[in-house]
Amino acid sequence: MTGFTPAPGVRRACTRAAIVAALIIAGGTGLPPGGRAQDRPAPRDGVFVEGEELVYNVRYGFFDLGQVRIKVLATVRGNSSLAYQGKGFIDSYPKVPFADLHAVYESLIDSGLFSRRFIGRQKDNGQWDLSRYDFDYPARRVLIEVGAQDSVITRRDTLAIETPYHDGLSLFFYARAKLFSGLKVNVPTLIKEQKVNTYIDFKDEHTTVDLDAVDYPVDVVRFDGNMDFVGIFGLTGGFEGWFSNDEARVPIQAKMKVLIGSVTMELMKWTRPGWNPPRAKG
């Protein structure tokens, strides 16, 4: 860690915001208020690949805060449905002052690109907190359990829902699937047991970014959006994403606003058979 050294209180707030922000960068259920015609077909959809693991570094300025790992564990086949098990791990780096933050998120993501179930475990100040959402779409409701140490449920609640919803992890995969859609979407999302919205503009804007993990410019597609709420650890306002311009649509880089500034996440390692970040042409 070099360069920038914020004050202790700022460091802790930035760390909390940044290491969670990567899982809430984008998503939605596809309620388009408008869109743009596409001048070319989108690449074949290769978003869900069992065994894929993506690792990101998260920083505030020049200050490295933590790491995010996102995995596709398995494909779940039902009698008439298909879903995917995703898992995310968020950890502050050991040498980050005033922070020992860890979280594990699990999501069951329907092939129709919405959340069926979400389990979140977050450790802060030595205490593990639990959130569990079970989406009961036939009954138009979500069943919520909140507690500590997994086995101690302190609150149960029910929220009415009128449309498919997303959790913080399923958003990650939805954004990848819709990258080339050209749509503007209003995103029904469940964050901190609250129904909120995220607005995404899938511009299909082609550009390049530099990535420390490779020695060439990466071919990417950019989009942006805005959150109309203050989320976990101060995540709020505008964000930008740059995803790979290929069928994998891997998130390469993202920038997000928090209450006290801006944080960046960048792909640093990956496990995906036959894939590397696409080289920009020309």
C-alpha atoms as a PDB file:
ATOM      1  CA  MET A   1       0.000   0.000   0.000  1.00  0.00           C
ATOM      2  CA  THR A   2       1.580   3.231  -1.100  1.00  0.00           C
ATOM      3  CA  GLY A   3       0.882   6.854  -1.772  1.00  0.00           C
ATOM      4  CA  PHE A   4      -2.358   7.919  -0.112  1.00  0.00           C
ATOM      5  CA  THR A   5      -2.955   7.552   3.623  1.00  0.00           C
ATOM      6  CA  PRO A   6      -6.390   8.817   4.755  1.00  0.00           C
ATOM      7  CA  ALA A   7      -7.258   9.687   8.323  1.00  0.00           C
ATOM      8  CA  PRO A   8      -8.348   6.708  10.515  1.00  0.00           C
ATOM      9  CA  GLY A   9     -12.078   7.441  10.414  1.00  0.00           C
ATOM     10  CA  VAL A  10     -12.024   7.984   6.659  1.00  0.00           C
ATOM     11  CA  ARG A  11     -10.004   4.785   6.138  1.00  0.00           C
ATOM     12  CA  ARG A  12     -12.576   2.667   7.910  1.00  0.00           C
ATOM     13  CA  ALA A  13     -15.534   4.195   6.082  1.00  0.00           C
ATOM     14  CA  CYS A  14     -13.814   3.840   2.705  1.00  0.00           C
ATOM     15  CA  THR A  15     -12.845   0.234   3.392  1.00  0.00           C
ATOM     16  CA  ARG A  16     -16.355  -0.771   4.344  1.00  0.00           C
ATOM     17  CA  ALA A  17     -17.811   0.866   1.278  1.00  0.00           C
ATOM     18  CA  ALA A  18     -15.278  -0.398  -1.203  1.00  0.00           C
ATOM     19  CA  ILE A  19     -15.056  -4.094  -0.413  1.00  0.00           C
ATOM     20  CA  VAL A  20     -18.828  -4.525  -0.681  1.00  0.00           C
ATOM     21  CA  ALA A  21     -19.393  -2.168  -3.604  1.00  0.00           C
ATOM     22  CA  ALA A  22     -18.183  -4.672  -6.189  1.00  0.00           C
ATOM     23  CA  LEU A  23     -21.210  -6.908  -5.679  1.00  0.00           C
ATOM     24  CA  ILE A  24     -23.700  -4.102  -6.210  1.00  0.00           C
ATOM     25  CA  ILE A  25     -22.282  -2.473  -9.305  1.00  0.00           C
ATOM     26  CA  ALA A  26     -25.209  -3.291 -11.624  1.00  0.00           C
ATOM     27  CA  GLY A  27     -28.229  -5.458 -12.398  1.00  0.00           C
ATOM     28  CA  GLY A  28     -31.977  -5.585 -12.892  1.00  0.00           C
ATOM     29  CA  THR A  29     -35.002  -7.486 -14.058  1.00  0.00           C
ATOM     30  CA  GLY A  30     -35.451  -5.654 -17.326  1.00  0.00           C
ATOM     31  CA  LEU A  31     -38.155  -3.010 -17.032  1.00  0.00           C
ATOM     32  CA  PRO A  32     -37.017  -0.854 -19.958  1.00  0.00           C
ATOM     33  CA  PRO A  33     -38.301   2.736 -20.153  1.00  0.00           C
ATOM     34  CA  GLY A  34     -36.387   3.066 -23.414  1.00  0.00           C
ATOM     35  CA  GLY A  35     -33.717   1.473 -25.561  1.00  0.00           C
ATOM     36  CA  ARG A  36     -31.515   1.790 -28.624  1.00  0.00           C
ATOM     37  CA  ALA A  37     -31.478  -0.242 -31.777  1.00  0.00           C
ATOM     38  CA  GLN A  38     -28.458  -2.495 -32.139  1.00  0.00           C
ATOM     39  CA  ASP A  39     -26.315  -2.348 -35.277  1.00  0.00           C
ATOM     40  CA  ARG A  40     -24.843  -5.810 -34.788  1.00  0.00           C
ATOM     41  CA  PRO A  41     -25.814  -9.093 -33.103  1.00  0.00           C
ATOM     42  CA  ALA A  42     -24.594  -9.650 -29.548  1.00  0.00           C
ATOM     43  CA  PRO A  43     -22.028 -12.421 -28.982  1.00  0.00           C
ATOM     44  CA  ARG A  44     -23.327 -15.771 -27.805  1.00  0.00           C
ATOM     45  CA  ASP A  45     -24.197 -15.707 -24.101  1.00  0.00           C
ATOM     46  CA  GLY A  46     -21.461 -17.421 -22.116  1.00  0.00           C
ATOM     47  CA  VAL A  47     -21.986 -15.792 -18.731  1.00  0.00           C
ATOM     48  CA  PHE A  48     -22.605 -18.852 -16.553  1.00  0.00           C
ATOM     49  CA  VAL A  49     -19.688 -21.308 -16.640  1.00  0.00           C
ATOM     50  CA  GLU A  50     -19.310 -23.773 -13.774  1.00  0.00           C
ATOM     51  CA  GLY A  51     -15.987 -23.356 -12.025  1.00  0.00           C
ATOM     52  CA  GLU A  52     -15.440 -19.768 -13.136  1.00  0.00           C
ATOM     53  CA  GLU A  53     -13.682 -17.713 -10.463  1.00  0.00           C
ATOM     54  CA  LEU A  54     -12.961 -13.982 -10.781  1.00  0.00           C
ATOM     55  CA  VAL A  55     -10.765 -12.113  -8.307  1.00  0.00           C
ATOM     56  CA  TYR A  56     -10.769  -8.318  -7.946  1.00  0.00           C
ATOM     57  CA  ASN A  57      -8.619  -5.803  -6.122  1.00  0.00           C
ATOM     58  CA  VAL A  58     -10.540  -2.896  -4.596  1.00  0.00           C
ATOM     59  CA  ARG A  59      -8.860   0.435  -3.925  1.00  0.00           C
ATOM     60  CA  TYR A  60      -9.513   3.977  -2.797  1.00  0.00           C
ATOM     61  CA  GLY A  61      -7.128   6.248  -4.692  1.00  0.00           C
ATOM     62  CA  PHE A  62      -3.743   4.489  -4.385  1.00  0.00           C
ATOM     63  CA  PHE A  63      -4.790   2.708  -1.191  1.00  0.00           C
ATOM     64  CA  ASP A  64      -5.555  -1.026  -1.627  1.00  0.00           C
ATOM     65  CA  LEU A  65      -8.478  -1.952   0.607  1.00  0.00           C
ATOM     66  CA  GLY A  66      -9.548  -5.509  -0.063  1.00  0.00           C
ATOM     67  CA  GLN A  67     -10.340  -8.330  -2.417  1.00  0.00           C
ATOM     68  CA  VAL A  68     -13.533  -9.723  -3.944  1.00  0.00           C
ATOM     69  CA  ARG A  69     -13.827 -13.289  -5.296  1.00  0.00           C
ATOM     70  CA  ILE A  70     -16.881 -14.411  -7.259  1.00  0.00           C
ATOM     71  CA  LYS A  71     -17.495 -18.037  -8.254  1.00  0.00           C
ATOM     72  CA  VAL A  72     -20.024 -20.048 -10.235  1.00  0.00           C
ATOM     73  CA  LEU A  73     -20.418 -23.244  -8.206  1.00  0.00           C
ATOM     74  CA  ALA A  74     -22.996 -25.373  -9.986  1.00  0.00           C
ATOM     75  CA  THR A  75     -25.966 -25.634 -12.308  1.00  0.00           C
ATOM     76  CA  VAL A  76     -29.214 -26.677 -10.602  1.00  0.00           C
ATOM     77  CA  ARG A  77     -31.754 -28.429 -12.819  1.00  0.00           C
ATOM     78  CA  GLY A  78     -35.365 -28.751 -11.682  1.00  0.00           C
ATOM     79  CA  ASN A  79     -38.367 -30.381 -13.345  1.00  0.00           C
ATOM     80  CA  SER A  80     -39.111 -27.297 -15.411  1.00  0.00           C
ATOM     81  CA  SER A  81     -36.429 -24.795 -14.454  1.00  0.00           C
ATOM     82  CA  LEU A  82     -32.722 -24.089 -14.468  1.00  0.00           C
ATOM     83  CA  ALA A  83     -30.698 -22.050 -11.974  1.00  0.00           C
ATOM     84  CA  TYR A  84     -27.101 -21.335 -11.064  1.00  0.00           C
ATOM     85  CA  GLN A  85     -25.367 -21.226  -7.698  1.00  0.00           C
ATOM     86  CA  GLY A  86     -23.082 -18.244  -7.270  1.00  0.00           C
ATOM     87  CA  LYS A  87     -20.879 -17.346  -4.315  1.00  0.00           C
ATOM     88  CA  GLY A  88     -18.961 -14.208  -3.436  1.00  0.00           C
ATOM     89  CA  PHE A  89     -16.222 -13.664  -0.848  1.00  0.00           C
ATOM     90  CA  ILE A  90     -15.242 -10.189   0.346  1.00  0.00           C
ATOM     91  CA  ASP A  91     -12.209  -9.611   2.564  1.00  0.00           C
ATOM     92  CA  SER A  92     -10.271  -6.568   3.686  1.00  0.00           C
ATOM     93  CA  TYR A  93      -6.510  -6.929   3.416  1.00  0.00           C
ATOM     94  CA  PRO A  94      -4.787  -7.850   6.705  1.00  0.00           C
ATOM     95  CA  LYS A  95      -2.638  -4.690   6.762  1.00  0.00           C
ATOM     96  CA  VAL A  96      -5.530  -2.257   6.237  1.00  0.00           C
ATOM     97  CA  PRO A  97      -5.754  -0.191   9.453  1.00  0.00           C
ATOM     98  CA  PHE A  98      -8.945  -0.086  11.504  1.00  0.00           C
ATOM     99  CA  ALA A  99     -10.667  -2.770   9.434  1.00  0.00           C
ATOM    100  CA  ASP A 100     -11.188  -6.511   9.739  1.00  0.00           C
ATOM    101  CA  LEU A 101     -14.145  -6.990   7.421  1.00  0.00           C
ATOM    102  CA  HIS A 102     -15.280 -10.238   5.830  1.00  0.00           C
ATOM    103  CA  ALA A 103     -18.427 -11.335   4.031  1.00  0.00           C
ATOM    104  CA  VAL A 104     -19.738 -14.391   2.182  1.00  0.00           C
ATOM    105  CA  TYR A 105     -22.704 -14.071  -0.187  1.00  0.00           C
ATOM    106  CA  GLU A 106     -24.558 -16.981  -1.812  1.00  0.00           C
ATOM    107  CA  SER A 107     -27.233 -16.645  -4.455  1.00  0.00           C
ATOM    108  CA  LEU A 108     -29.430 -19.014  -6.442  1.00  0.00           C
ATOM    109  CA  ILE A 109     -29.947 -17.257  -9.772  1.00  0.00           C
ATOM    110  CA  ASP A 110     -32.757 -18.302 -12.092  1.00  0.00           C
ATOM    111  CA  SER A 111     -31.913 -18.799 -15.771  1.00  0.00           C
ATOM    112  CA  GLY A 112     -34.423 -16.011 -16.385  1.00  0.00           C
ATOM    113  CA  LEU A 113     -31.947 -13.704 -14.602  1.00  0.00           C
ATOM    114  CA  PHE A 114     -33.479 -12.980 -11.210  1.00  0.00           C
ATOM    115  CA  SER A 115     -32.824 -14.102  -7.657  1.00  0.00           C
ATOM    116  CA  ARG A 116     -34.515 -17.135  -6.132  1.00  0.00           C
ATOM    117  CA  ARG A 117     -32.600 -17.209  -2.855  1.00  0.00           C
ATOM    118  CA  PHE A 118     -29.918 -15.155  -1.150  1.00  0.00           C
ATOM    119  CA  ILE A 119     -27.845 -15.806   1.974  1.00  0.00           C
ATOM    120  CA  GLY A 120     -25.441 -13.154   3.225  1.00  0.00           C
ATOM    121  CA  ARG A 121     -23.010 -13.481   6.127  1.00  0.00           C
ATOM    122  CA  GLN A 122     -20.971 -10.479   7.167  1.00  0.00           C
ATOM    123  CA  LYS A 123     -18.326 -10.158   9.863  1.00  0.00           C
ATOM    124  CA  ASP A 124     -17.577  -6.819  11.477  1.00  0.00           C
ATOM    125  CA  ASN A 125     -15.928  -6.230  14.848  1.00  0.00           C
ATOM    126  CA  GLY A 126     -15.805  -9.975  15.484  1.00  0.00           C
ATOM    127  CA  GLN A 127     -19.550 -10.523  14.989  1.00  0.00           C
ATOM    128  CA  TRP A 128     -21.079 -12.513  12.121  1.00  0.00           C
ATOM    129  CA  ASP A 129     -24.472 -11.237  10.978  1.00  0.00           C
ATOM    130  CA  LEU A 130     -26.870 -13.188   8.777  1.00  0.00           C
ATOM    131  CA  SER A 131     -29.450 -12.198   6.169  1.00  0.00           C
ATOM    132  CA  ARG A 132     -31.522 -14.768   4.268  1.00  0.00           C
ATOM    133  CA  TYR A 133     -34.027 -13.955   1.504  1.00  0.00           C
ATOM    134  CA  ASP A 134     -36.312 -16.621   0.006  1.00  0.00           C
ATOM    135  CA  PHE A 135     -38.215 -15.284  -2.990  1.00  0.00           C
ATOM    136  CA  ASP A 136     -41.681 -16.869  -3.225  1.00  0.00           C
ATOM    137  CA  TYR A 137     -42.807 -15.586  -6.603  1.00  0.00           C
ATOM    138  CA  PRO A 138     -46.087 -17.552  -6.871  1.00  0.00           C
ATOM    139  CA  ALA A 139     -47.175 -15.926  -3.589  1.00  0.00           C
ATOM    140  CA  ARG A 140     -45.678 -12.547  -4.616  1.00  0.00           C
ATOM    141  CA  ARG A 141     -43.589 -12.229  -1.481  1.00  0.00           C
ATOM    142  CA  VAL A 142     -40.071 -12.559  -0.112  1.00  0.00           C
ATOM    143  CA  LEU A 143     -39.444 -14.238   3.228  1.00  0.00           C
ATOM    144  CA  ILE A 144     -36.702 -12.531   5.241  1.00  0.00           C
ATOM    145  CA  GLU A 145     -34.650 -13.820   8.168  1.00  0.00           C
ATOM    146  CA  VAL A 146     -32.071 -11.704   9.968  1.00  0.00           C
ATOM    147  CA  GLY A 147     -29.842 -12.955  12.739  1.00  0.00           C
ATOM    148  CA  ALA A 148     -26.405 -13.646  14.125  1.00  0.00           C
ATOM    149  CA  GLN A 149     -24.070 -16.642  14.058  1.00  0.00           C
ATOM    150  CA  ASP A 150     -26.381 -18.388  11.551  1.00  0.00           C
ATOM    151  CA  SER A 151     -28.385 -20.174  14.244  1.00  0.00           C
ATOM    152  CA  VAL A 152     -29.782 -17.175  16.135  1.00  0.00           C
ATOM    153  CA  ILE A 153     -32.627 -15.605  14.156  1.00  0.00           C
ATOM    154  CA  THR A 154     -33.517 -12.245  15.653  1.00  0.00           C
ATOM    155  CA  ARG A 155     -36.158 -11.122  13.152  1.00  0.00           C
ATOM    156  CA  ARG A 156     -38.482 -12.627  10.562  1.00  0.00           C
ATOM    157  CA  ASP A 157     -40.398 -10.533   8.076  1.00  0.00           C
ATOM    158  CA  THR A 158     -42.317 -10.700   4.798  1.00  0.00           C
ATOM    159  CA  LEU A 159     -42.291  -8.185   1.965  1.00  0.00           C
ATOM    160  CA  ALA A 160     -44.771  -8.091  -0.893  1.00  0.00           C
ATOM    161  CA  ILE A 161     -43.196  -8.098  -4.364  1.00  0.00           C
ATOM    162  CA  GLU A 162     -44.886  -7.578  -7.712  1.00  0.00           C
ATOM    163  CA  THR A 163     -42.012  -8.487 -10.048  1.00  0.00           C
ATOM    164  CA  PRO A 164     -38.814 -10.557  -9.978  1.00  0.00           C
ATOM    165  CA  TYR A 165     -36.095  -9.055  -7.762  1.00  0.00           C
ATOM    166  CA  HIS A 166     -32.328  -9.135  -7.456  1.00  0.00           C
ATOM    167  CA  ASP A 167     -29.917  -9.440  -4.566  1.00  0.00           C
ATOM    168  CA  GLY A 168     -26.389  -8.030  -4.439  1.00  0.00           C
ATOM    169  CA  LEU A 169     -24.789 -11.075  -6.078  1.00  0.00           C
ATOM    170  CA  SER A 170     -27.348 -11.880  -8.768  1.00  0.00           C
ATOM    171  CA  LEU A 171     -26.969  -8.282 -10.019  1.00  0.00           C
ATOM    172  CA  PHE A 172     -23.396  -9.066 -11.007  1.00  0.00           C
ATOM    173  CA  PHE A 173     -24.497 -11.781 -13.431  1.00  0.00           C
ATOM    174  CA  TYR A 174     -27.527  -9.929 -14.765  1.00  0.00           C
ATOM    175  CA  ALA A 175     -25.375  -6.996 -15.830  1.00  0.00           C
ATOM    176  CA  ARG A 176     -23.103  -9.369 -17.736  1.00  0.00           C
ATOM    177  CA  ALA A 177     -26.021 -11.002 -19.531  1.00  0.00           C
ATOM    178  CA  LYS A 178     -27.569  -7.655 -20.556  1.00  0.00           C
ATOM    179  CA  LEU A 179     -24.334  -5.911 -21.514  1.00  0.00           C
ATOM    180  CA  PHE A 180     -25.114  -5.719 -25.239  1.00  0.00           C
ATOM    181  CA  SER A 181     -28.853  -5.014 -24.894  1.00  0.00           C
ATOM    182  CA  GLY A 182     -28.661  -1.240 -25.450  1.00  0.00           C
ATOM    183  CA  LEU A 183     -31.489  -0.824 -22.930  1.00  0.00           C
ATOM    184  CA  LYS A 184     -32.052   1.599 -20.118  1.00  0.00           C
ATOM    185  CA  VAL A 185     -33.462  -0.393 -17.211  1.00  0.00           C
ATOM    186  CA  ASN A 186     -35.082   0.298 -13.867  1.00  0.00           C
ATOM    187  CA  VAL A 187     -33.859  -2.361 -11.472  1.00  0.00           C
ATOM    188  CA  PRO A 188     -35.990  -3.802  -8.627  1.00  0.00           C
ATOM    189  CA  THR A 189     -33.449  -4.751  -5.956  1.00  0.00           C
ATOM    190  CA  LEU A 190     -33.575  -5.970  -2.367  1.00  0.00           C
ATOM    191  CA  ILE A 191     -30.795  -4.342  -0.324  1.00  0.00           C
ATOM    192  CA  LYS A 192     -30.619  -4.332   3.465  1.00  0.00           C
ATOM    193  CA  GLU A 193     -34.160  -5.742   3.619  1.00  0.00           C
ATOM    194  CA  GLN A 194     -35.467  -2.765   1.636  1.00  0.00           C
ATOM    195  CA  LYS A 195     -37.020  -2.604  -1.848  1.00  0.00           C
ATOM    196  CA  VAL A 196     -35.001  -0.082  -3.861  1.00  0.00           C
ATOM    197  CA  ASN A 197     -34.135   0.766  -7.479  1.00  0.00           C
ATOM    198  CA  THR A 198     -30.979   0.921  -9.532  1.00  0.00           C
ATOM    199  CA  TYR A 199     -30.979   2.600 -12.934  1.00  0.00           C
ATOM    200  CA  ILE A 200     -28.692   1.177 -15.630  1.00  0.00           C
ATOM    201  CA  ASP A 201     -27.918   2.536 -19.095  1.00  0.00           C
ATOM    202  CA  PHE A 202     -26.446  -0.284 -21.192  1.00  0.00           C
ATOM    203  CA  LYS A 203     -24.920   2.015 -23.780  1.00  0.00           C
ATOM    204  CA  ASP A 204     -23.082  -0.677 -25.771  1.00  0.00           C
ATOM    205  CA  GLU A 205     -20.209   1.833 -25.863  1.00  0.00           C
ATOM    206  CA  HIS A 206     -17.013   0.219 -27.131  1.00  0.00           C
ATOM    207  CA  THR A 207     -13.674   1.335 -25.716  1.00  0.00           C
ATOM    208  CA  THR A 208     -10.458   0.004 -24.148  1.00  0.00           C
ATOM    209  CA  VAL A 209      -8.970  -0.104 -20.643  1.00  0.00           C
ATOM    210  CA  ASP A 210      -5.525  -0.882 -19.270  1.00  0.00           C
ATOM    211  CA  LEU A 211      -5.350  -3.824 -16.878  1.00  0.00           C
ATOM    212  CA  ASP A 212      -2.339  -4.487 -14.636  1.00  0.00           C
ATOM    213  CA  ALA A 213      -2.749  -8.256 -15.085  1.00  0.00           C
ATOM    214  CA  VAL A 214      -2.034  -8.177 -18.858  1.00  0.00           C
ATOM    215  CA  ASP A 215       0.422  -6.263 -21.049  1.00  0.00           C
ATOM    216  CA  TYR A 216      -2.056  -5.086 -23.691  1.00  0.00           C
ATOM    217  CA  PRO A 217      -5.157  -2.856 -23.841  1.00  0.00           C
ATOM    218  CA  VAL A 218      -8.370  -4.795 -23.178  1.00  0.00           C
ATOM    219  CA  ASP A 219     -11.393  -4.601 -25.488  1.00  0.00           C
ATOM    220  CA  VAL A 220     -14.394  -3.628 -23.327  1.00  0.00           C
ATOM    221  CA  VAL A 221     -17.940  -2.306 -23.390  1.00  0.00           C
ATOM    222  CA  ARG A 222     -18.822   0.539 -21.028  1.00  0.00           C
ATOM    223  CA  PHE A 223     -22.111   1.267 -19.240  1.00  0.00           C
ATOM    224  CA  ASP A 224     -23.162   3.481 -16.353  1.00  0.00           C
ATOM    225  CA  GLY A 225     -26.015   4.017 -13.936  1.00  0.00           C
ATOM    226  CA  ASN A 226     -27.232   5.485 -10.702  1.00  0.00           C
ATOM    227  CA  MET A 227     -28.550   4.236  -7.353  1.00  0.00           C
ATOM    228  CA  ASP A 228     -31.411   6.148  -5.740  1.00  0.00           C
ATOM    229  CA  PHE A 229     -30.556   4.899  -2.254  1.00  0.00           C
ATOM    230  CA  VAL A 230     -27.702   4.691   0.236  1.00  0.00           C
ATOM    231  CA  GLY A 231     -26.680   1.053   0.298  1.00  0.00           C
ATOM    232  CA  ILE A 232     -24.350  -1.079   2.363  1.00  0.00           C
ATOM    233  CA  PHE A 233     -21.495   0.949   3.897  1.00  0.00           C
ATOM    234  CA  GLY A 234     -22.407   4.158   2.077  1.00  0.00           C
ATOM    235  CA  LEU A 235     -22.591   2.957  -1.533  1.00  0.00           C
ATOM    236  CA  THR A 236     -24.740   5.489  -3.385  1.00  0.00           C
ATOM    237  CA  GLY A 237     -25.114   7.578  -6.519  1.00  0.00           C
ATOM    238  CA  GLY A 238     -23.424   6.980  -9.859  1.00  0.00           C
ATOM    239  CA  PHE A 239     -21.273   4.092 -11.089  1.00  0.00           C
ATOM    240  CA  GLU A 240     -19.503   2.923 -14.257  1.00  0.00           C
ATOM    241  CA  GLY A 241     -18.589  -0.527 -15.500  1.00  0.00           C
ATOM    242  CA  TRP A 242     -16.257  -1.856 -18.221  1.00  0.00           C
ATOM    243  CA  PHE A 243     -16.959  -5.493 -19.188  1.00  0.00           C
ATOM    244  CA  SER A 244     -15.106  -7.662 -21.718  1.00  0.00           C
ATOM    245  CA  ASN A 245     -16.325  -7.351 -25.313  1.00  0.00           C
ATOM    246  CA  ASP A 246     -16.870 -11.070 -25.891  1.00  0.00           C
ATOM    247  CA  GLU A 247     -19.320 -13.824 -25.010  1.00  0.00           C
ATOM    248  CA  ALA A 248     -17.943 -14.125 -21.455  1.00  0.00           C
ATOM    249  CA  ARG A 249     -18.704 -10.448 -20.665  1.00  0.00           C
ATOM    250  CA  VAL A 250     -16.366 -10.547 -17.687  1.00  0.00           C
ATOM    251  CA  PRO A 251     -16.307  -7.399 -15.523  1.00  0.00           C
ATOM    252  CA  ILE A 252     -12.841  -5.911 -16.041  1.00  0.00           C
ATOM    253  CA  GLN A 253     -13.090  -2.656 -14.105  1.00  0.00           C
ATOM    254  CA  ALA A 254     -15.706  -0.649 -12.211  1.00  0.00           C
ATOM    255  CA  LYS A 255     -15.864   2.723 -10.482  1.00  0.00           C
ATOM    256  CA  MET A 256     -18.416   3.446  -7.755  1.00  0.00           C
ATOM    257  CA  LYS A 257     -19.334   6.399  -5.587  1.00  0.00           C
ATOM    258  CA  VAL A 258     -19.587   6.202  -1.835  1.00  0.00           C
ATOM    259  CA  LEU A 259     -20.513   8.931   0.617  1.00  0.00           C
ATOM    260  CA  ILE A 260     -16.965  10.247   0.880  1.00  0.00           C
ATOM    261  CA  GLY A 261     -15.552   9.696  -2.610  1.00  0.00           C
ATOM    262  CA  SER A 262     -14.990   7.075  -5.297  1.00  0.00           C
ATOM    263  CA  VAL A 263     -13.630   3.505  -5.244  1.00  0.00           C
ATOM    264  CA  THR A 264     -12.323   1.280  -8.045  1.00  0.00           C
ATOM    265  CA  MET A 265     -12.349  -2.481  -8.521  1.00  0.00           C
ATOM    266  CA  GLU A 266     -10.111  -4.186 -11.085  1.00  0.00           C
ATOM    267  CA  LEU A 267      -9.813  -7.779 -12.289  1.00  0.00           C
ATOM    268  CA  MET A 268      -6.521  -9.268 -11.059  1.00  0.00           C
ATOM    269  CA  LYS A 269      -6.933 -13.075 -11.442  1.00  0.00           C
ATOM    270  CA  TRP A 270      -9.340 -15.391 -13.217  1.00  0.00           C
ATOM    271  CA  THR A 271     -10.118 -19.068 -13.727  1.00  0.00           C
ATOM    272  CA  ARG A 272     -12.280 -19.699 -16.780  1.00  0.00           C
ATOM    273  CA  PRO A 273     -11.410 -22.417 -19.335  1.00  0.00           C
ATOM    274  CA  GLY A 274     -10.058 -20.985 -22.573  1.00  0.00           C
ATOM    275  CA  TRP A 275     -10.569 -17.335 -21.596  1.00  0.00           C
ATOM    276  CA  ASN A 276      -8.265 -14.360 -21.267  1.00  0.00           C
ATOM    277  CA  PRO A 277      -9.189 -10.662 -21.434  1.00  0.00           C
ATOM    278  CA  PRO A 278      -9.757  -9.852 -25.133  1.00  0.00           C
ATOM    279  CA  ARG A 279      -7.030  -7.793 -26.773  1.00  0.00           C
ATOM    280  CA  ALA A 280      -8.193  -4.519 -28.306  1.00  0.00           C
ATOM    281  CA  LYS A 281      -7.901  -4.440 -32.098  1.00  0.00           C
ATOM    282  CA  GLY A 282      -5.823  -1.880 -33.924  1.00  0.00           C
END
